[in-house]
Amino acid sequence: MIAENDPEEQEKRIKYNDLVANAVIFQNVIDITLILRDLIKEGHTLFRNDVEALSPYLTKHVKLYT
């Protein structure tokens, strides 16, 4: 929640939140990639449909309007 009514402060906070969200998504991509590589090394077969279902941007647990 942004309590201040200062447009510059609000914009700074929104940009910061975007930066943090992008960093989390990027880290998720790295983690998923490393795990998939480990699975391949262990001899598991990966199917395109299964990998396509993965997402670094999970939103099911996010409550946007509370």
PDB file of N, CA and C in Angstrom:
ATOM      1  N   MET A   1       0.845  -1.168   0.000  1.00  0.00           N
ATOM      2  CA  MET A   1       0.000   0.000   0.000  1.00  0.00           C
ATOM      3  C   MET A   1       0.894   1.235   0.000  1.00  0.00           C
ATOM      4  N   ILE A   2       0.580   2.159  -0.858  1.00  0.00           N
ATOM      5  CA  ILE A   2       1.315   3.413  -0.922  1.00  0.00           C
ATOM      6  C   ILE A   2       0.494   4.466  -0.183  1.00  0.00           C
ATOM      7  N   ALA A   3       0.987   4.866   0.994  1.00  0.00           N
ATOM      8  CA  ALA A   3       0.221   5.768   1.850  1.00  0.00           C
ATOM      9  C   ALA A   3       0.362   7.230   1.439  1.00  0.00           C
ATOM     10  N   GLU A   4       1.471   7.563   0.794  1.00  0.00           N
ATOM     11  CA  GLU A   4       1.698   8.948   0.436  1.00  0.00           C
ATOM     12  C   GLU A   4       0.991   9.307  -0.865  1.00  0.00           C
ATOM     13  N   ASN A   5       0.658  10.545  -0.993  1.00  0.00           N
ATOM     14  CA  ASN A   5      -0.027  11.017  -2.190  1.00  0.00           C
ATOM     15  C   ASN A   5       0.942  11.775  -3.108  1.00  0.00           C
ATOM     16  N   ASP A   6       2.217  11.479  -2.992  1.00  0.00           N
ATOM     17  CA  ASP A   6       3.249  12.121  -3.793  1.00  0.00           C
ATOM     18  C   ASP A   6       3.484  11.277  -5.054  1.00  0.00           C
ATOM     19  N   PRO A   7       3.129  11.799  -6.231  1.00  0.00           N
ATOM     20  CA  PRO A   7       3.262  11.013  -7.468  1.00  0.00           C
ATOM     21  C   PRO A   7       4.687  10.520  -7.732  1.00  0.00           C
ATOM     22  N   GLU A   8       5.693  11.305  -7.402  1.00  0.00           N
ATOM     23  CA  GLU A   8       7.076  10.864  -7.624  1.00  0.00           C
ATOM     24  C   GLU A   8       7.436   9.693  -6.713  1.00  0.00           C
ATOM     25  N   GLU A   9       7.006   9.760  -5.481  1.00  0.00           N
ATOM     26  CA  GLU A   9       7.272   8.671  -4.539  1.00  0.00           C
ATOM     27  C   GLU A   9       6.516   7.410  -4.961  1.00  0.00           C
ATOM     28  N   GLN A  10       5.294   7.579  -5.412  1.00  0.00           N
ATOM     29  CA  GLN A  10       4.518   6.437  -5.880  1.00  0.00           C
ATOM     30  C   GLN A  10       5.191   5.781  -7.078  1.00  0.00           C
ATOM     31  N   GLU A  11       5.670   6.591  -8.014  1.00  0.00           N
ATOM     32  CA  GLU A  11       6.341   6.050  -9.201  1.00  0.00           C
ATOM     33  C   GLU A  11       7.614   5.301  -8.814  1.00  0.00           C
ATOM     34  N   LYS A  12       8.374   5.839  -7.855  1.00  0.00           N
ATOM     35  CA  LYS A  12       9.594   5.164  -7.387  1.00  0.00           C
ATOM     36  C   LYS A  12       9.265   3.800  -6.803  1.00  0.00           C
ATOM     37  N   ARG A  13       8.233   3.733  -6.001  1.00  0.00           N
ATOM     38  CA  ARG A  13       7.858   2.461  -5.364  1.00  0.00           C
ATOM     39  C   ARG A  13       7.371   1.451  -6.387  1.00  0.00           C
ATOM     40  N   ILE A  14       6.624   1.906  -7.363  1.00  0.00           N
ATOM     41  CA  ILE A  14       6.141   1.003  -8.413  1.00  0.00           C
ATOM     42  C   ILE A  14       7.314   0.462  -9.222  1.00  0.00           C
ATOM     43  N   LYS A  15       8.263   1.328  -9.568  1.00  0.00           N
ATOM     44  CA  LYS A  15       9.443   0.887 -10.317  1.00  0.00           C
ATOM     45  C   LYS A  15      10.265  -0.097  -9.494  1.00  0.00           C
ATOM     46  N   TYR A  16      10.394   0.168  -8.206  1.00  0.00           N
ATOM     47  CA  TYR A  16      11.139  -0.742  -7.337  1.00  0.00           C
ATOM     48  C   TYR A  16      10.453  -2.099  -7.279  1.00  0.00           C
ATOM     49  N   ASN A  17       9.137  -2.106  -7.124  1.00  0.00           N
ATOM     50  CA  ASN A  17       8.393  -3.368  -7.092  1.00  0.00           C
ATOM     51  C   ASN A  17       8.550  -4.135  -8.401  1.00  0.00           C
ATOM     52  N   ASP A  18       8.524  -3.428  -9.538  1.00  0.00           N
ATOM     53  CA  ASP A  18       8.740  -4.082 -10.828  1.00  0.00           C
ATOM     54  C   ASP A  18      10.128  -4.701 -10.898  1.00  0.00           C
ATOM     55  N   LEU A  19      11.124  -3.981 -10.411  1.00  0.00           N
ATOM     56  CA  LEU A  19      12.495  -4.485 -10.419  1.00  0.00           C
ATOM     57  C   LEU A  19      12.615  -5.747  -9.570  1.00  0.00           C
ATOM     58  N   VAL A  20      12.030  -5.735  -8.392  1.00  0.00           N
ATOM     59  CA  VAL A  20      12.072  -6.902  -7.512  1.00  0.00           C
ATOM     60  C   VAL A  20      11.347  -8.084  -8.163  1.00  0.00           C
ATOM     61  N   ALA A  21      10.184  -7.838  -8.739  1.00  0.00           N
ATOM     62  CA  ALA A  21       9.433  -8.909  -9.398  1.00  0.00           C
ATOM     63  C   ALA A  21      10.228  -9.501 -10.555  1.00  0.00           C
ATOM     64  N   ASN A  22      10.860  -8.664 -11.355  1.00  0.00           N
ATOM     65  CA  ASN A  22      11.663  -9.156 -12.471  1.00  0.00           C
ATOM     66  C   ASN A  22      12.854  -9.966 -11.984  1.00  0.00           C
ATOM     67  N   ALA A  23      13.466  -9.561 -10.876  1.00  0.00           N
ATOM     68  CA  ALA A  23      14.592 -10.310 -10.323  1.00  0.00           C
ATOM     69  C   ALA A  23      14.146 -11.684  -9.838  1.00  0.00           C
ATOM     70  N   VAL A  24      12.983 -11.750  -9.221  1.00  0.00           N
ATOM     71  CA  VAL A  24      12.451 -13.033  -8.748  1.00  0.00           C
ATOM     72  C   VAL A  24      12.140 -13.942  -9.935  1.00  0.00           C
ATOM     73  N   ILE A  25      11.527 -13.408 -10.966  1.00  0.00           N
ATOM     74  CA  ILE A  25      11.218 -14.200 -12.157  1.00  0.00           C
ATOM     75  C   ILE A  25      12.500 -14.710 -12.801  1.00  0.00           C
ATOM     76  N   PHE A  26      13.515 -13.855 -12.912  1.00  0.00           N
ATOM     77  CA  PHE A  26      14.791 -14.257 -13.497  1.00  0.00           C
ATOM     78  C   PHE A  26      15.427 -15.376 -12.679  1.00  0.00           C
ATOM     79  N   GLN A  27      15.399 -15.258 -11.360  1.00  0.00           N
ATOM     80  CA  GLN A  27      15.961 -16.309 -10.510  1.00  0.00           C
ATOM     81  C   GLN A  27      15.187 -17.608 -10.683  1.00  0.00           C
ATOM     82  N   ASN A  28      13.877 -17.526 -10.836  1.00  0.00           N
ATOM     83  CA  ASN A  28      13.066 -18.727 -11.074  1.00  0.00           C
ATOM     84  C   ASN A  28      13.456 -19.402 -12.378  1.00  0.00           C
ATOM     85  N   VAL A  29      13.730 -18.618 -13.415  1.00  0.00           N
ATOM     86  CA  VAL A  29      14.163 -19.183 -14.699  1.00  0.00           C
ATOM     87  C   VAL A  29      15.478 -19.934 -14.506  1.00  0.00           C
ATOM     88  N   ILE A  30      16.400 -19.338 -13.792  1.00  0.00           N
ATOM     89  CA  ILE A  30      17.696 -19.994 -13.548  1.00  0.00           C
ATOM     90  C   ILE A  30      17.495 -21.291 -12.768  1.00  0.00           C
ATOM     91  N   ASP A  31      16.684 -21.253 -11.717  1.00  0.00           N
ATOM     92  CA  ASP A  31      16.449 -22.442 -10.902  1.00  0.00           C
ATOM     93  C   ASP A  31      15.797 -23.559 -11.720  1.00  0.00           C
ATOM     94  N   ILE A  32      14.792 -23.219 -12.511  1.00  0.00           N
ATOM     95  CA  ILE A  32      14.111 -24.212 -13.339  1.00  0.00           C
ATOM     96  C   ILE A  32      15.084 -24.830 -14.342  1.00  0.00           C
ATOM     97  N   THR A  33      15.909 -23.995 -14.963  1.00  0.00           N
ATOM     98  CA  THR A  33      16.880 -24.478 -15.937  1.00  0.00           C
ATOM     99  C   THR A  33      17.864 -25.449 -15.297  1.00  0.00           C
ATOM    100  N   LEU A  34      18.385 -25.106 -14.130  1.00  0.00           N
ATOM    101  CA  LEU A  34      19.334 -25.981 -13.444  1.00  0.00           C
ATOM    102  C   LEU A  34      18.696 -27.310 -13.062  1.00  0.00           C
ATOM    103  N   ILE A  35      17.476 -27.264 -12.590  1.00  0.00           N
ATOM    104  CA  ILE A  35      16.773 -28.494 -12.211  1.00  0.00           C
ATOM    105  C   ILE A  35      16.523 -29.367 -13.437  1.00  0.00           C
ATOM    106  N   LEU A  36      16.101 -28.768 -14.538  1.00  0.00           N
ATOM    107  CA  LEU A  36      15.872 -29.552 -15.754  1.00  0.00           C
ATOM    108  C   LEU A  36      17.169 -30.190 -16.254  1.00  0.00           C
ATOM    109  N   ARG A  37      18.268 -29.452 -16.188  1.00  0.00           N
ATOM    110  CA  ARG A  37      19.566 -30.010 -16.586  1.00  0.00           C
ATOM    111  C   ARG A  37      19.956 -31.183 -15.684  1.00  0.00           C
ATOM    112  N   ASP A  38      19.721 -31.047 -14.382  1.00  0.00           N
ATOM    113  CA  ASP A  38      20.016 -32.144 -13.456  1.00  0.00           C
ATOM    114  C   ASP A  38      19.175 -33.371 -13.768  1.00  0.00           C
ATOM    115  N   LEU A  39      17.909 -33.165 -14.070  1.00  0.00           N
ATOM    116  CA  LEU A  39      17.034 -34.293 -14.406  1.00  0.00           C
ATOM    117  C   LEU A  39      17.524 -35.009 -15.663  1.00  0.00           C
ATOM    118  N   ILE A  40      17.957 -34.251 -16.653  1.00  0.00           N
ATOM    119  CA  ILE A  40      18.483 -34.852 -17.887  1.00  0.00           C
ATOM    120  C   ILE A  40      19.751 -35.649 -17.587  1.00  0.00           C
ATOM    121  N   LYS A  41      20.642 -35.079 -16.750  1.00  0.00           N
ATOM    122  CA  LYS A  41      21.867 -35.787 -16.378  1.00  0.00           C
ATOM    123  C   LYS A  41      21.581 -37.087 -15.647  1.00  0.00           C
ATOM    124  N   GLU A  42      20.494 -37.112 -14.876  1.00  0.00           N
ATOM    125  CA  GLU A  42      20.117 -38.320 -14.133  1.00  0.00           C
ATOM    126  C   GLU A  42      19.435 -39.347 -15.021  1.00  0.00           C
ATOM    127  N   GLY A  43      19.208 -38.990 -16.281  1.00  0.00           N
ATOM    128  CA  GLY A  43      18.628 -39.945 -17.222  1.00  0.00           C
ATOM    129  C   GLY A  43      17.125 -39.856 -17.405  1.00  0.00           C
ATOM    130  N   HIS A  44      16.519 -38.847 -16.831  1.00  0.00           N
ATOM    131  CA  HIS A  44      15.074 -38.676 -17.003  1.00  0.00           C
ATOM    132  C   HIS A  44      14.778 -38.138 -18.402  1.00  0.00           C
ATOM    133  N   THR A  45      13.663 -38.550 -18.939  1.00  0.00           N
ATOM    134  CA  THR A  45      13.222 -38.042 -20.231  1.00  0.00           C
ATOM    135  C   THR A  45      12.274 -36.878 -19.995  1.00  0.00           C
ATOM    136  N   LEU A  46      12.563 -35.756 -20.630  1.00  0.00           N
ATOM    137  CA  LEU A  46      11.696 -34.595 -20.507  1.00  0.00           C
ATOM    138  C   LEU A  46      10.898 -34.438 -21.793  1.00  0.00           C
ATOM    139  N   PHE A  47       9.627 -34.206 -21.635  1.00  0.00           N
ATOM    140  CA  PHE A  47       8.754 -34.017 -22.787  1.00  0.00           C
ATOM    141  C   PHE A  47       8.448 -32.534 -22.951  1.00  0.00           C
ATOM    142  N   ARG A  48       8.367 -32.105 -24.197  1.00  0.00           N
ATOM    143  CA  ARG A  48       8.130 -30.699 -24.508  1.00  0.00           C
ATOM    144  C   ARG A  48       6.873 -30.176 -23.800  1.00  0.00           C
ATOM    145  N   ASN A  49       5.808 -30.944 -23.801  1.00  0.00           N
ATOM    146  CA  ASN A  49       4.553 -30.490 -23.174  1.00  0.00           C
ATOM    147  C   ASN A  49       4.732 -30.232 -21.682  1.00  0.00           C
ATOM    148  N   ASP A  50       5.521 -31.076 -21.031  1.00  0.00           N
ATOM    149  CA  ASP A  50       5.751 -30.891 -19.595  1.00  0.00           C
ATOM    150  C   ASP A  50       6.565 -29.622 -19.327  1.00  0.00           C
ATOM    151  N   VAL A  51       7.605 -29.412 -20.130  1.00  0.00           N
ATOM    152  CA  VAL A  51       8.446 -28.232 -19.938  1.00  0.00           C
ATOM    153  C   VAL A  51       7.671 -26.962 -20.283  1.00  0.00           C
ATOM    154  N   GLU A  52       6.837 -27.013 -21.310  1.00  0.00           N
ATOM    155  CA  GLU A  52       6.044 -25.840 -21.681  1.00  0.00           C
ATOM    156  C   GLU A  52       5.061 -25.442 -20.591  1.00  0.00           C
ATOM    157  N   ALA A  53       4.670 -26.392 -19.749  1.00  0.00           N
ATOM    158  CA  ALA A  53       3.713 -26.099 -18.676  1.00  0.00           C
ATOM    159  C   ALA A  53       4.365 -25.369 -17.509  1.00  0.00           C
ATOM    160  N   LEU A  54       5.687 -25.385 -17.445  1.00  0.00           N
ATOM    161  CA  LEU A  54       6.391 -24.694 -16.362  1.00  0.00           C
ATOM    162  C   LEU A  54       6.356 -23.192 -16.605  1.00  0.00           C
ATOM    163  N   SER A  55       6.330 -22.441 -15.515  1.00  0.00           N
ATOM    164  CA  SER A  55       6.314 -20.995 -15.639  1.00  0.00           C
ATOM    165  C   SER A  55       7.122 -20.360 -14.517  1.00  0.00           C
ATOM    166  N   PRO A  56       8.004 -19.417 -14.839  1.00  0.00           N
ATOM    167  CA  PRO A  56       8.731 -18.715 -13.787  1.00  0.00           C
ATOM    168  C   PRO A  56       7.902 -17.609 -13.146  1.00  0.00           C
ATOM    169  N   TYR A  57       6.713 -17.380 -13.695  1.00  0.00           N
ATOM    170  CA  TYR A  57       5.846 -16.296 -13.220  1.00  0.00           C
ATOM    171  C   TYR A  57       4.564 -16.908 -12.667  1.00  0.00           C
ATOM    172  N   LEU A  58       4.632 -17.322 -11.398  1.00  0.00           N
ATOM    173  CA  LEU A  58       3.491 -17.970 -10.763  1.00  0.00           C
ATOM    174  C   LEU A  58       2.570 -16.919 -10.156  1.00  0.00           C
ATOM    175  N   THR A  59       1.283 -17.065 -10.400  1.00  0.00           N
ATOM    176  CA  THR A  59       0.345 -16.057  -9.904  1.00  0.00           C
ATOM    177  C   THR A  59      -0.849 -16.643  -9.152  1.00  0.00           C
ATOM    178  N   LYS A  60      -0.937 -17.957  -9.046  1.00  0.00           N
ATOM    179  CA  LYS A  60      -2.115 -18.547  -8.386  1.00  0.00           C
ATOM    180  C   LYS A  60      -2.238 -18.129  -6.937  1.00  0.00           C
ATOM    181  N   HIS A  61      -1.119 -17.951  -6.251  1.00  0.00           N
ATOM    182  CA  HIS A  61      -1.139 -17.626  -4.830  1.00  0.00           C
ATOM    183  C   HIS A  61      -1.224 -16.130  -4.544  1.00  0.00           C
ATOM    184  N   VAL A  62      -1.179 -15.301  -5.583  1.00  0.00           N
ATOM    185  CA  VAL A  62      -1.155 -13.857  -5.401  1.00  0.00           C
ATOM    186  C   VAL A  62      -2.578 -13.313  -5.292  1.00  0.00           C
ATOM    187  N   LYS A  63      -2.814 -12.526  -4.274  1.00  0.00           N
ATOM    188  CA  LYS A  63      -4.110 -11.871  -4.113  1.00  0.00           C
ATOM    189  C   LYS A  63      -3.941 -10.435  -4.569  1.00  0.00           C
ATOM    190  N   LEU A  64      -4.423 -10.134  -5.752  1.00  0.00           N
ATOM    191  CA  LEU A  64      -4.219  -8.809  -6.329  1.00  0.00           C
ATOM    192  C   LEU A  64      -5.077  -7.730  -5.672  1.00  0.00           C
ATOM    193  N   TYR A  65      -6.295  -8.057  -5.369  1.00  0.00           N
ATOM    194  CA  TYR A  65      -7.231  -7.038  -4.877  1.00  0.00           C
ATOM    195  C   TYR A  65      -7.782  -7.456  -3.528  1.00  0.00           C
ATOM    196  N   THR A  66      -7.014  -7.161  -2.481  1.00  0.00           N
ATOM    197  CA  THR A  66      -7.495  -7.501  -1.144  1.00  0.00           C
ATOM    198  C   THR A  66      -7.625  -6.275  -0.302  1.00  0.00           C
TER     199      THR A  66
END
